[in-house]
Amino acid sequence: LNKNNPNVASYIHAGNGSLVTQHSEAVANAIIDGGLKYMRGFAL
């Protein structure tokens, strides 16, 4: 999507506010491994 669809804003699902607060390292690794560098960000 990042390469072929310039007018798309994409987000990877990262759980919820509680999860990203209590398990920041685990969730961060999970979404980084899942291609965060190609996305606008994450969805909660």
PDB file of all heavy atoms in Angstrom:
ATOM      1  N   LEU A   1       0.829  -1.206   0.000  1.00  0.00           N
ATOM      2  CA  LEU A   1       0.000   0.000   0.000  1.00  0.00           C
ATOM      3  C   LEU A   1       0.866   1.262   0.000  1.00  0.00           C
ATOM      4  O   LEU A   1       0.553   2.254  -0.661  1.00  0.00           O
ATOM      5  CB  LEU A   1      -0.921   0.002   1.215  1.00  0.00           C
ATOM      6  CG  LEU A   1      -1.992  -1.101   1.251  1.00  0.00           C
ATOM      7  CD1 LEU A   1      -2.718  -1.084   2.585  1.00  0.00           C
ATOM      8  CD2 LEU A   1      -2.986  -0.947   0.102  1.00  0.00           C
ATOM      9  N   ASN A   2       1.956   1.216   0.742  1.00  0.00           N
ATOM     10  CA  ASN A   2       2.849   2.372   0.817  1.00  0.00           C
ATOM     11  C   ASN A   2       3.493   2.669  -0.540  1.00  0.00           C
ATOM     12  O   ASN A   2       3.662   3.824  -0.934  1.00  0.00           O
ATOM     13  CB  ASN A   2       3.928   2.116   1.871  1.00  0.00           C
ATOM     14  CG  ASN A   2       4.839   3.307   2.077  1.00  0.00           C
ATOM     15  OD1 ASN A   2       4.385   4.409   2.378  1.00  0.00           O
ATOM     16  ND2 ASN A   2       6.141   3.105   1.914  1.00  0.00           N
ATOM     17  N   LYS A   3       3.825   1.612  -1.259  1.00  0.00           N
ATOM     18  CA  LYS A   3       4.526   1.763  -2.534  1.00  0.00           C
ATOM     19  C   LYS A   3       3.578   2.141  -3.678  1.00  0.00           C
ATOM     20  O   LYS A   3       3.914   2.980  -4.517  1.00  0.00           O
ATOM     21  CB  LYS A   3       5.247   0.454  -2.872  1.00  0.00           C
ATOM     22  CG  LYS A   3       6.013   0.486  -4.181  1.00  0.00           C
ATOM     23  CD  LYS A   3       6.719  -0.844  -4.426  1.00  0.00           C
ATOM     24  CE  LYS A   3       7.480  -0.829  -5.754  1.00  0.00           C
ATOM     25  NZ  LYS A   3       8.160  -2.138  -6.005  1.00  0.00           N
ATOM     26  N   ASN A   4       2.398   1.516  -3.715  1.00  0.00           N
ATOM     27  CA  ASN A   4       1.525   1.645  -4.883  1.00  0.00           C
ATOM     28  C   ASN A   4       0.318   2.553  -4.704  1.00  0.00           C
ATOM     29  O   ASN A   4      -0.354   2.872  -5.688  1.00  0.00           O
ATOM     30  CB  ASN A   4       1.011   0.266  -5.308  1.00  0.00           C
ATOM     31  CG  ASN A   4       2.124  -0.648  -5.780  1.00  0.00           C
ATOM     32  OD1 ASN A   4       3.227  -0.195  -6.075  1.00  0.00           O
ATOM     33  ND2 ASN A   4       1.839  -1.931  -5.849  1.00  0.00           N
ATOM     34  N   ASN A   5       0.009   2.925  -3.464  1.00  0.00           N
ATOM     35  CA  ASN A   5      -1.230   3.662  -3.199  1.00  0.00           C
ATOM     36  C   ASN A   5      -0.923   4.933  -2.410  1.00  0.00           C
ATOM     37  O   ASN A   5      -1.083   4.980  -1.191  1.00  0.00           O
ATOM     38  CB  ASN A   5      -2.208   2.766  -2.445  1.00  0.00           C
ATOM     39  CG  ASN A   5      -2.442   1.435  -3.163  1.00  0.00           C
ATOM     40  OD1 ASN A   5      -1.823   0.429  -2.841  1.00  0.00           O
ATOM     41  ND2 ASN A   5      -3.313   1.443  -4.155  1.00  0.00           N
ATOM     42  N   PRO A   6      -0.486   5.983  -3.101  1.00  0.00           N
ATOM     43  CA  PRO A   6       0.002   7.185  -2.424  1.00  0.00           C
ATOM     44  C   PRO A   6      -1.059   7.951  -1.640  1.00  0.00           C
ATOM     45  O   PRO A   6      -0.707   8.762  -0.782  1.00  0.00           O
ATOM     46  CB  PRO A   6       0.545   8.031  -3.578  1.00  0.00           C
ATOM     47  CG  PRO A   6      -0.209   7.560  -4.779  1.00  0.00           C
ATOM     48  CD  PRO A   6      -0.395   6.095  -4.571  1.00  0.00           C
ATOM     49  N   ASN A   7      -2.329   7.704  -1.923  1.00  0.00           N
ATOM     50  CA  ASN A   7      -3.386   8.435  -1.234  1.00  0.00           C
ATOM     51  C   ASN A   7      -4.075   7.611  -0.148  1.00  0.00           C
ATOM     52  O   ASN A   7      -5.169   7.942   0.301  1.00  0.00           O
ATOM     53  CB  ASN A   7      -4.408   8.944  -2.253  1.00  0.00           C
ATOM     54  CG  ASN A   7      -3.791   9.948  -3.203  1.00  0.00           C
ATOM     55  OD1 ASN A   7      -3.003  10.799  -2.798  1.00  0.00           O
ATOM     56  ND2 ASN A   7      -4.107   9.832  -4.488  1.00  0.00           N
ATOM     57  N   VAL A   8      -3.404   6.546   0.267  1.00  0.00           N
ATOM     58  CA  VAL A   8      -3.886   5.699   1.365  1.00  0.00           C
ATOM     59  C   VAL A   8      -3.128   6.034   2.639  1.00  0.00           C
ATOM     60  O   VAL A   8      -1.903   6.193   2.621  1.00  0.00           O
ATOM     61  CB  VAL A   8      -3.708   4.202   1.023  1.00  0.00           C
ATOM     62  CG1 VAL A   8      -3.786   3.338   2.275  1.00  0.00           C
ATOM     63  CG2 VAL A   8      -4.769   3.754   0.022  1.00  0.00           C
ATOM     64  N   ALA A   9      -3.855   6.152   3.743  1.00  0.00           N
ATOM     65  CA  ALA A   9      -3.242   6.253   5.073  1.00  0.00           C
ATOM     66  C   ALA A   9      -3.520   4.932   5.777  1.00  0.00           C
ATOM     67  O   ALA A   9      -4.690   4.575   5.989  1.00  0.00           O
ATOM     68  CB  ALA A   9      -3.843   7.410   5.857  1.00  0.00           C
ATOM     69  N   SER A  10      -2.486   4.170   6.100  1.00  0.00           N
ATOM     70  CA  SER A  10      -2.689   2.842   6.683  1.00  0.00           C
ATOM     71  C   SER A  10      -2.230   2.799   8.138  1.00  0.00           C
ATOM     72  O   SER A  10      -1.299   3.507   8.543  1.00  0.00           O
ATOM     73  CB  SER A  10      -1.955   1.770   5.867  1.00  0.00           C
ATOM     74  OG  SER A  10      -0.551   1.947   5.936  1.00  0.00           O
ATOM     75  N   TYR A  11      -2.902   1.931   8.901  1.00  0.00           N
ATOM     76  CA  TYR A  11      -2.655   1.809  10.341  1.00  0.00           C
ATOM     77  C   TYR A  11      -2.718   0.339  10.734  1.00  0.00           C
ATOM     78  O   TYR A  11      -3.633  -0.382  10.329  1.00  0.00           O
ATOM     79  CB  TYR A  11      -3.713   2.578  11.145  1.00  0.00           C
ATOM     80  CG  TYR A  11      -3.808   4.039  10.788  1.00  0.00           C
ATOM     81  CD1 TYR A  11      -4.583   4.460   9.705  1.00  0.00           C
ATOM     82  CD2 TYR A  11      -3.110   5.007  11.508  1.00  0.00           C
ATOM     83  CE1 TYR A  11      -4.658   5.805   9.344  1.00  0.00           C
ATOM     84  CE2 TYR A  11      -3.185   6.352  11.162  1.00  0.00           C
ATOM     85  CZ  TYR A  11      -3.961   6.742  10.083  1.00  0.00           C
ATOM     86  OH  TYR A  11      -4.036   8.074   9.734  1.00  0.00           O
ATOM     87  N   ILE A  12      -1.787  -0.101  11.548  1.00  0.00           N
ATOM     88  CA  ILE A  12      -1.812  -1.463  12.058  1.00  0.00           C
ATOM     89  C   ILE A  12      -2.522  -1.465  13.410  1.00  0.00           C
ATOM     90  O   ILE A  12      -2.318  -0.566  14.231  1.00  0.00           O
ATOM     91  CB  ILE A  12      -0.382  -2.049  12.182  1.00  0.00           C
ATOM     92  CG1 ILE A  12      -0.444  -3.543  12.536  1.00  0.00           C
ATOM     93  CG2 ILE A  12       0.463  -1.266  13.192  1.00  0.00           C
ATOM     94  CD1 ILE A  12       0.916  -4.246  12.414  1.00  0.00           C
ATOM     95  N   HIS A  13      -3.351  -2.464  13.618  1.00  0.00           N
ATOM     96  CA  HIS A  13      -4.071  -2.540  14.881  1.00  0.00           C
ATOM     97  C   HIS A  13      -3.106  -2.909  16.006  1.00  0.00           C
ATOM     98  O   HIS A  13      -2.352  -3.876  15.905  1.00  0.00           O
ATOM     99  CB  HIS A  13      -5.174  -3.601  14.780  1.00  0.00           C
ATOM    100  CG  HIS A  13      -5.951  -3.763  16.030  1.00  0.00           C
ATOM    101  ND1 HIS A  13      -6.286  -4.981  16.557  1.00  0.00           N
ATOM    102  CD2 HIS A  13      -6.462  -2.841  16.882  1.00  0.00           C
ATOM    103  CE1 HIS A  13      -6.969  -4.806  17.674  1.00  0.00           C
ATOM    104  NE2 HIS A  13      -7.083  -3.517  17.890  1.00  0.00           N
ATOM    105  N   ALA A  14      -3.134  -2.123  17.080  1.00  0.00           N
ATOM    106  CA  ALA A  14      -2.182  -2.333  18.188  1.00  0.00           C
ATOM    107  C   ALA A  14      -2.876  -2.661  19.508  1.00  0.00           C
ATOM    108  O   ALA A  14      -2.269  -2.533  20.570  1.00  0.00           O
ATOM    109  CB  ALA A  14      -1.304  -1.094  18.350  1.00  0.00           C
ATOM    110  N   GLY A  15      -4.143  -3.081  19.463  1.00  0.00           N
ATOM    111  CA  GLY A  15      -4.823  -3.440  20.703  1.00  0.00           C
ATOM    112  C   GLY A  15      -5.624  -2.285  21.261  1.00  0.00           C
ATOM    113  O   GLY A  15      -6.414  -1.658  20.568  1.00  0.00           O
ATOM    114  N   ASN A  16      -5.392  -1.978  22.528  1.00  0.00           N
ATOM    115  CA  ASN A  16      -6.131  -0.900  23.180  1.00  0.00           C
ATOM    116  C   ASN A  16      -5.217  -0.110  24.100  1.00  0.00           C
ATOM    117  O   ASN A  16      -4.045  -0.453  24.285  1.00  0.00           O
ATOM    118  CB  ASN A  16      -7.328  -1.477  23.948  1.00  0.00           C
ATOM    119  CG  ASN A  16      -6.904  -2.544  24.942  1.00  0.00           C
ATOM    120  OD1 ASN A  16      -6.099  -2.299  25.823  1.00  0.00           O
ATOM    121  ND2 ASN A  16      -7.446  -3.751  24.801  1.00  0.00           N
ATOM    122  N   GLY A  17      -5.757   0.948  24.678  1.00  0.00           N
ATOM    123  CA  GLY A  17      -4.947   1.825  25.515  1.00  0.00           C
ATOM    124  C   GLY A  17      -4.308   1.128  26.689  1.00  0.00           C
ATOM    125  O   GLY A  17      -3.173   1.422  27.074  1.00  0.00           O
ATOM    126  N   SER A  18      -5.037   0.197  27.282  1.00  0.00           N
ATOM    127  CA  SER A  18      -4.491  -0.554  28.413  1.00  0.00           C
ATOM    128  C   SER A  18      -3.325  -1.434  27.971  1.00  0.00           C
ATOM    129  O   SER A  18      -2.277  -1.494  28.623  1.00  0.00           O
ATOM    130  CB  SER A  18      -5.602  -1.407  29.040  1.00  0.00           C
ATOM    131  OG  SER A  18      -5.093  -2.210  30.071  1.00  0.00           O
ATOM    132  N   LEU A  19      -3.500  -2.111  26.844  1.00  0.00           N
ATOM    133  CA  LEU A  19      -2.465  -3.024  26.359  1.00  0.00           C
ATOM    134  C   LEU A  19      -1.177  -2.276  26.020  1.00  0.00           C
ATOM    135  O   LEU A  19      -0.080  -2.693  26.406  1.00  0.00           O
ATOM    136  CB  LEU A  19      -2.975  -3.768  25.127  1.00  0.00           C
ATOM    137  CG  LEU A  19      -2.160  -4.980  24.682  1.00  0.00           C
ATOM    138  CD1 LEU A  19      -2.309  -6.133  25.662  1.00  0.00           C
ATOM    139  CD2 LEU A  19      -2.602  -5.428  23.293  1.00  0.00           C
ATOM    140  N   VAL A  20      -1.291  -1.158  25.294  1.00  0.00           N
ATOM    141  CA  VAL A  20      -0.080  -0.439  24.886  1.00  0.00           C
ATOM    142  C   VAL A  20       0.588   0.268  26.055  1.00  0.00           C
ATOM    143  O   VAL A  20       1.774   0.613  25.978  1.00  0.00           O
ATOM    144  CB  VAL A  20      -0.363   0.566  23.749  1.00  0.00           C
ATOM    145  CG1 VAL A  20      -0.878  -0.157  22.522  1.00  0.00           C
ATOM    146  CG2 VAL A  20      -1.327   1.663  24.180  1.00  0.00           C
ATOM    147  N   THR A  21      -0.148   0.461  27.144  1.00  0.00           N
ATOM    148  CA  THR A  21       0.438   1.079  28.333  1.00  0.00           C
ATOM    149  C   THR A  21       1.137   0.036  29.200  1.00  0.00           C
ATOM    150  O   THR A  21       2.265   0.235  29.654  1.00  0.00           O
ATOM    151  CB  THR A  21      -0.655   1.786  29.158  1.00  0.00           C
ATOM    152  OG1 THR A  21      -1.227   2.844  28.373  1.00  0.00           O
ATOM    153  CG2 THR A  21      -0.074   2.368  30.442  1.00  0.00           C
ATOM    154  N   GLN A  22       0.479  -1.089  29.409  1.00  0.00           N
ATOM    155  CA  GLN A  22       1.018  -2.118  30.302  1.00  0.00           C
ATOM    156  C   GLN A  22       2.063  -3.010  29.634  1.00  0.00           C
ATOM    157  O   GLN A  22       2.888  -3.616  30.317  1.00  0.00           O
ATOM    158  CB  GLN A  22      -0.126  -2.973  30.841  1.00  0.00           C
ATOM    159  CG  GLN A  22      -1.121  -2.198  31.692  1.00  0.00           C
ATOM    160  CD  GLN A  22      -2.310  -3.044  32.108  1.00  0.00           C
ATOM    161  OE1 GLN A  22      -2.252  -4.275  32.107  1.00  0.00           O
ATOM    162  NE2 GLN A  22      -3.406  -2.394  32.466  1.00  0.00           N
ATOM    163  N   HIS A  23       2.017  -3.112  28.325  1.00  0.00           N
ATOM    164  CA  HIS A  23       2.937  -4.002  27.600  1.00  0.00           C
ATOM    165  C   HIS A  23       3.560  -3.263  26.415  1.00  0.00           C
ATOM    166  O   HIS A  23       3.567  -3.759  25.280  1.00  0.00           O
ATOM    167  CB  HIS A  23       2.198  -5.254  27.131  1.00  0.00           C
ATOM    168  CG  HIS A  23       1.520  -6.013  28.222  1.00  0.00           C
ATOM    169  ND1 HIS A  23       2.191  -6.836  29.096  1.00  0.00           N
ATOM    170  CD2 HIS A  23       0.217  -6.040  28.612  1.00  0.00           C
ATOM    171  CE1 HIS A  23       1.337  -7.360  29.969  1.00  0.00           C
ATOM    172  NE2 HIS A  23       0.137  -6.891  29.690  1.00  0.00           N
ATOM    173  N   SER A  24       4.073  -2.087  26.679  1.00  0.00           N
ATOM    174  CA  SER A  24       4.580  -1.225  25.608  1.00  0.00           C
ATOM    175  C   SER A  24       5.652  -1.901  24.763  1.00  0.00           C
ATOM    176  O   SER A  24       5.626  -1.835  23.527  1.00  0.00           O
ATOM    177  CB  SER A  24       5.139   0.070  26.197  1.00  0.00           C
ATOM    178  OG  SER A  24       4.166   0.747  26.936  1.00  0.00           O
ATOM    179  N   GLU A  25       6.605  -2.547  25.409  1.00  0.00           N
ATOM    180  CA  GLU A  25       7.707  -3.158  24.683  1.00  0.00           C
ATOM    181  C   GLU A  25       7.218  -4.276  23.760  1.00  0.00           C
ATOM    182  O   GLU A  25       7.595  -4.349  22.588  1.00  0.00           O
ATOM    183  CB  GLU A  25       8.741  -3.718  25.667  1.00  0.00           C
ATOM    184  CG  GLU A  25       9.901  -4.473  25.026  1.00  0.00           C
ATOM    185  CD  GLU A  25      10.908  -3.572  24.319  1.00  0.00           C
ATOM    186  OE1 GLU A  25      10.798  -2.335  24.426  1.00  0.00           O
ATOM    187  OE2 GLU A  25      11.797  -4.108  23.633  1.00  0.00           O
ATOM    188  N   ALA A  26       6.355  -5.146  24.308  1.00  0.00           N
ATOM    189  CA  ALA A  26       5.863  -6.270  23.512  1.00  0.00           C
ATOM    190  C   ALA A  26       5.037  -5.789  22.323  1.00  0.00           C
ATOM    191  O   ALA A  26       5.191  -6.292  21.203  1.00  0.00           O
ATOM    192  CB  ALA A  26       5.031  -7.207  24.390  1.00  0.00           C
ATOM    193  N   VAL A  27       4.151  -4.830  22.550  1.00  0.00           N
ATOM    194  CA  VAL A  27       3.317  -4.333  21.454  1.00  0.00           C
ATOM    195  C   VAL A  27       4.165  -3.580  20.432  1.00  0.00           C
ATOM    196  O   VAL A  27       3.976  -3.724  19.219  1.00  0.00           O
ATOM    197  CB  VAL A  27       2.178  -3.436  21.980  1.00  0.00           C
ATOM    198  CG1 VAL A  27       1.353  -2.901  20.818  1.00  0.00           C
ATOM    199  CG2 VAL A  27       1.280  -4.206  22.945  1.00  0.00           C
ATOM    200  N   ALA A  28       5.107  -2.790  20.910  1.00  0.00           N
ATOM    201  CA  ALA A  28       5.980  -2.061  19.988  1.00  0.00           C
ATOM    202  C   ALA A  28       6.737  -3.020  19.075  1.00  0.00           C
ATOM    203  O   ALA A  28       6.791  -2.836  17.852  1.00  0.00           O
ATOM    204  CB  ALA A  28       6.953  -1.185  20.770  1.00  0.00           C
ATOM    205  N   ASN A  29       7.332  -4.063  19.666  1.00  0.00           N
ATOM    206  CA  ASN A  29       8.041  -5.040  18.848  1.00  0.00           C
ATOM    207  C   ASN A  29       7.110  -5.694  17.830  1.00  0.00           C
ATOM    208  O   ASN A  29       7.477  -5.928  16.678  1.00  0.00           O
ATOM    209  CB  ASN A  29       8.674  -6.111  19.736  1.00  0.00           C
ATOM    210  CG  ASN A  29       9.877  -5.601  20.507  1.00  0.00           C
ATOM    211  OD1 ASN A  29      10.500  -4.619  20.115  1.00  0.00           O
ATOM    212  ND2 ASN A  29      10.195  -6.255  21.615  1.00  0.00           N
ATOM    213  N   ALA A  30       5.888  -5.997  18.286  1.00  0.00           N
ATOM    214  CA  ALA A  30       4.930  -6.682  17.416  1.00  0.00           C
ATOM    215  C   ALA A  30       4.564  -5.835  16.198  1.00  0.00           C
ATOM    216  O   ALA A  30       4.517  -6.338  15.071  1.00  0.00           O
ATOM    217  CB  ALA A  30       3.669  -7.040  18.201  1.00  0.00           C
ATOM    218  N   ILE A  31       4.299  -4.545  16.399  1.00  0.00           N
ATOM    219  CA  ILE A  31       3.894  -3.725  15.251  1.00  0.00           C
ATOM    220  C   ILE A  31       5.093  -3.287  14.412  1.00  0.00           C
ATOM    221  O   ILE A  31       4.969  -3.092  13.205  1.00  0.00           O
ATOM    222  CB  ILE A  31       3.040  -2.513  15.680  1.00  0.00           C
ATOM    223  CG1 ILE A  31       3.829  -1.512  16.509  1.00  0.00           C
ATOM    224  CG2 ILE A  31       1.798  -2.984  16.417  1.00  0.00           C
ATOM    225  CD1 ILE A  31       3.038  -0.227  16.799  1.00  0.00           C
ATOM    226  N   ILE A  32       6.252  -3.160  15.042  1.00  0.00           N
ATOM    227  CA  ILE A  32       7.466  -2.866  14.259  1.00  0.00           C
ATOM    228  C   ILE A  32       7.788  -4.044  13.351  1.00  0.00           C
ATOM    229  O   ILE A  32       8.051  -3.885  12.153  1.00  0.00           O
ATOM    230  CB  ILE A  32       8.645  -2.538  15.189  1.00  0.00           C
ATOM    231  CG1 ILE A  32       8.423  -1.185  15.872  1.00  0.00           C
ATOM    232  CG2 ILE A  32       9.970  -2.542  14.406  1.00  0.00           C
ATOM    233  CD1 ILE A  32       9.393  -0.889  17.000  1.00  0.00           C
ATOM    234  N   ASP A  33       7.730  -5.243  13.920  1.00  0.00           N
ATOM    235  CA  ASP A  33       7.965  -6.442  13.113  1.00  0.00           C
ATOM    236  C   ASP A  33       6.905  -6.571  12.016  1.00  0.00           C
ATOM    237  O   ASP A  33       7.170  -7.132  10.951  1.00  0.00           O
ATOM    238  CB  ASP A  33       7.939  -7.694  13.993  1.00  0.00           C
ATOM    239  CG  ASP A  33       9.100  -7.742  14.982  1.00  0.00           C
ATOM    240  OD1 ASP A  33      10.082  -6.990  14.796  1.00  0.00           O
ATOM    241  OD2 ASP A  33       9.017  -8.528  15.959  1.00  0.00           O
ATOM    242  N   GLY A  34       5.699  -6.060  12.283  1.00  0.00           N
ATOM    243  CA  GLY A  34       4.608  -6.148  11.318  1.00  0.00           C
ATOM    244  C   GLY A  34       4.584  -5.030  10.293  1.00  0.00           C
ATOM    245  O   GLY A  34       3.587  -4.885   9.569  1.00  0.00           O
ATOM    246  N   GLY A  35       5.645  -4.239  10.203  1.00  0.00           N
ATOM    247  CA  GLY A  35       5.746  -3.273   9.115  1.00  0.00           C
ATOM    248  C   GLY A  35       5.354  -1.848   9.443  1.00  0.00           C
ATOM    249  O   GLY A  35       4.982  -1.078   8.554  1.00  0.00           O
ATOM    250  N   LEU A  36       5.468  -1.450  10.691  1.00  0.00           N
ATOM    251  CA  LEU A  36       5.113  -0.085  11.069  1.00  0.00           C
ATOM    252  C   LEU A  36       5.826   0.962  10.217  1.00  0.00           C
ATOM    253  O   LEU A  36       5.267   2.015   9.908  1.00  0.00           O
ATOM    254  CB  LEU A  36       5.431   0.147  12.557  1.00  0.00           C
ATOM    255  CG  LEU A  36       5.162   1.558  13.099  1.00  0.00           C
ATOM    256  CD1 LEU A  36       3.677   1.899  13.023  1.00  0.00           C
ATOM    257  CD2 LEU A  36       5.676   1.697  14.538  1.00  0.00           C
ATOM    258  N   LYS A  37       7.040   0.657   9.797  1.00  0.00           N
ATOM    259  CA  LYS A  37       7.817   1.648   9.046  1.00  0.00           C
ATOM    260  C   LYS A  37       7.158   2.034   7.726  1.00  0.00           C
ATOM    261  O   LYS A  37       7.481   3.074   7.146  1.00  0.00           O
ATOM    262  CB  LYS A  37       9.226   1.135   8.794  1.00  0.00           C
ATOM    263  CG  LYS A  37       9.314  -0.052   7.849  1.00  0.00           C
ATOM    264  CD  LYS A  37      10.763  -0.514   7.704  1.00  0.00           C
ATOM    265  CE  LYS A  37      10.877  -1.722   6.783  1.00  0.00           C
ATOM    266  NZ  LYS A  37      12.287  -2.163   6.661  1.00  0.00           N
ATOM    267  N   TYR A  38       6.222   1.207   7.243  1.00  0.00           N
ATOM    268  CA  TYR A  38       5.544   1.512   5.991  1.00  0.00           C
ATOM    269  C   TYR A  38       4.188   2.194   6.204  1.00  0.00           C
ATOM    270  O   TYR A  38       3.495   2.482   5.231  1.00  0.00           O
ATOM    271  CB  TYR A  38       5.310   0.225   5.195  1.00  0.00           C
ATOM    272  CG  TYR A  38       6.582  -0.528   4.865  1.00  0.00           C
ATOM    273  CD1 TYR A  38       6.811  -1.801   5.381  1.00  0.00           C
ATOM    274  CD2 TYR A  38       7.545   0.037   4.031  1.00  0.00           C
ATOM    275  CE1 TYR A  38       7.969  -2.504   5.077  1.00  0.00           C
ATOM    276  CE2 TYR A  38       8.717  -0.655   3.723  1.00  0.00           C
ATOM    277  CZ  TYR A  38       8.918  -1.926   4.254  1.00  0.00           C
ATOM    278  OH  TYR A  38      10.077  -2.608   3.957  1.00  0.00           O
ATOM    279  N   MET A  39       3.820   2.415   7.455  1.00  0.00           N
ATOM    280  CA  MET A  39       2.475   2.904   7.751  1.00  0.00           C
ATOM    281  C   MET A  39       2.488   4.295   8.361  1.00  0.00           C
ATOM    282  O   MET A  39       3.500   4.780   8.861  1.00  0.00           O
ATOM    283  CB  MET A  39       1.766   1.932   8.698  1.00  0.00           C
ATOM    284  CG  MET A  39       1.678   0.515   8.174  1.00  0.00           C
ATOM    285  SD  MET A  39       0.805  -0.565   9.314  1.00  0.00           S
ATOM    286  CE  MET A  39       1.808  -2.052   9.218  1.00  0.00           C
ATOM    287  N   ARG A  40       1.321   4.895   8.361  1.00  0.00           N
ATOM    288  CA  ARG A  40       1.128   6.182   9.027  1.00  0.00           C
ATOM    289  C   ARG A  40       1.194   6.003  10.539  1.00  0.00           C
ATOM    290  O   ARG A  40       1.631   6.889  11.260  1.00  0.00           O
ATOM    291  CB  ARG A  40      -0.232   6.740   8.604  1.00  0.00           C
ATOM    292  CG  ARG A  40      -0.717   7.972   9.352  1.00  0.00           C
ATOM    293  CD  ARG A  40       0.018   9.217   8.932  1.00  0.00           C
ATOM    294  NE  ARG A  40      -0.560  10.397   9.597  1.00  0.00           N
ATOM    295  CZ  ARG A  40      -0.055  11.612   9.524  1.00  0.00           C
ATOM    296  NH1 ARG A  40       1.048  11.821   8.818  1.00  0.00           N
ATOM    297  NH2 ARG A  40      -0.618  12.620  10.145  1.00  0.00           N
ATOM    298  N   GLY A  41       0.740   4.857  11.035  1.00  0.00           N
ATOM    299  CA  GLY A  41       0.750   4.639  12.476  1.00  0.00           C
ATOM    300  C   GLY A  41      -0.056   3.421  12.887  1.00  0.00           C
ATOM    301  O   GLY A  41      -0.017   2.392  12.219  1.00  0.00           O
ATOM    302  N   PHE A  42      -0.805   3.541  13.970  1.00  0.00           N
ATOM    303  CA  PHE A  42      -1.518   2.390  14.531  1.00  0.00           C
ATOM    304  C   PHE A  42      -2.967   2.758  14.858  1.00  0.00           C
ATOM    305  O   PHE A  42      -3.331   3.938  14.937  1.00  0.00           O
ATOM    306  CB  PHE A  42      -0.808   1.863  15.781  1.00  0.00           C
ATOM    307  CG  PHE A  42      -0.673   2.874  16.898  1.00  0.00           C
ATOM    308  CD1 PHE A  42      -1.649   2.993  17.885  1.00  0.00           C
ATOM    309  CD2 PHE A  42       0.436   3.712  16.973  1.00  0.00           C
ATOM    310  CE1 PHE A  42      -1.530   3.931  18.919  1.00  0.00           C
ATOM    311  CE2 PHE A  42       0.569   4.648  17.997  1.00  0.00           C
ATOM    312  CZ  PHE A  42      -0.417   4.751  18.977  1.00  0.00           C
ATOM    313  N   ALA A  43      -3.777   1.732  15.053  1.00  0.00           N
ATOM    314  CA  ALA A  43      -5.185   1.902  15.431  1.00  0.00           C
ATOM    315  C   ALA A  43      -5.412   1.250  16.787  1.00  0.00           C
ATOM    316  O   ALA A  43      -4.851   0.187  17.073  1.00  0.00           O
ATOM    317  CB  ALA A  43      -6.099   1.259  14.391  1.00  0.00           C
ATOM    318  N   LEU A  44      -6.234   1.884  17.619  1.00  0.00           N
ATOM    319  CA  LEU A  44      -6.572   1.329  18.934  1.00  0.00           C
ATOM    320  C   LEU A  44      -8.080   1.125  19.063  1.00  0.00           C
ATOM    321  O   LEU A  44      -8.871   1.796  18.402  1.00  0.00           O
ATOM    322  CB  LEU A  44      -6.115   2.261  20.061  1.00  0.00           C
ATOM    323  CG  LEU A  44      -4.629   2.378  20.374  1.00  0.00           C
ATOM    324  CD1 LEU A  44      -4.431   3.171  21.669  1.00  0.00           C
ATOM    325  CD2 LEU A  44      -3.945   1.017  20.479  1.00  0.00           C
TER     326      LEU A  44
END
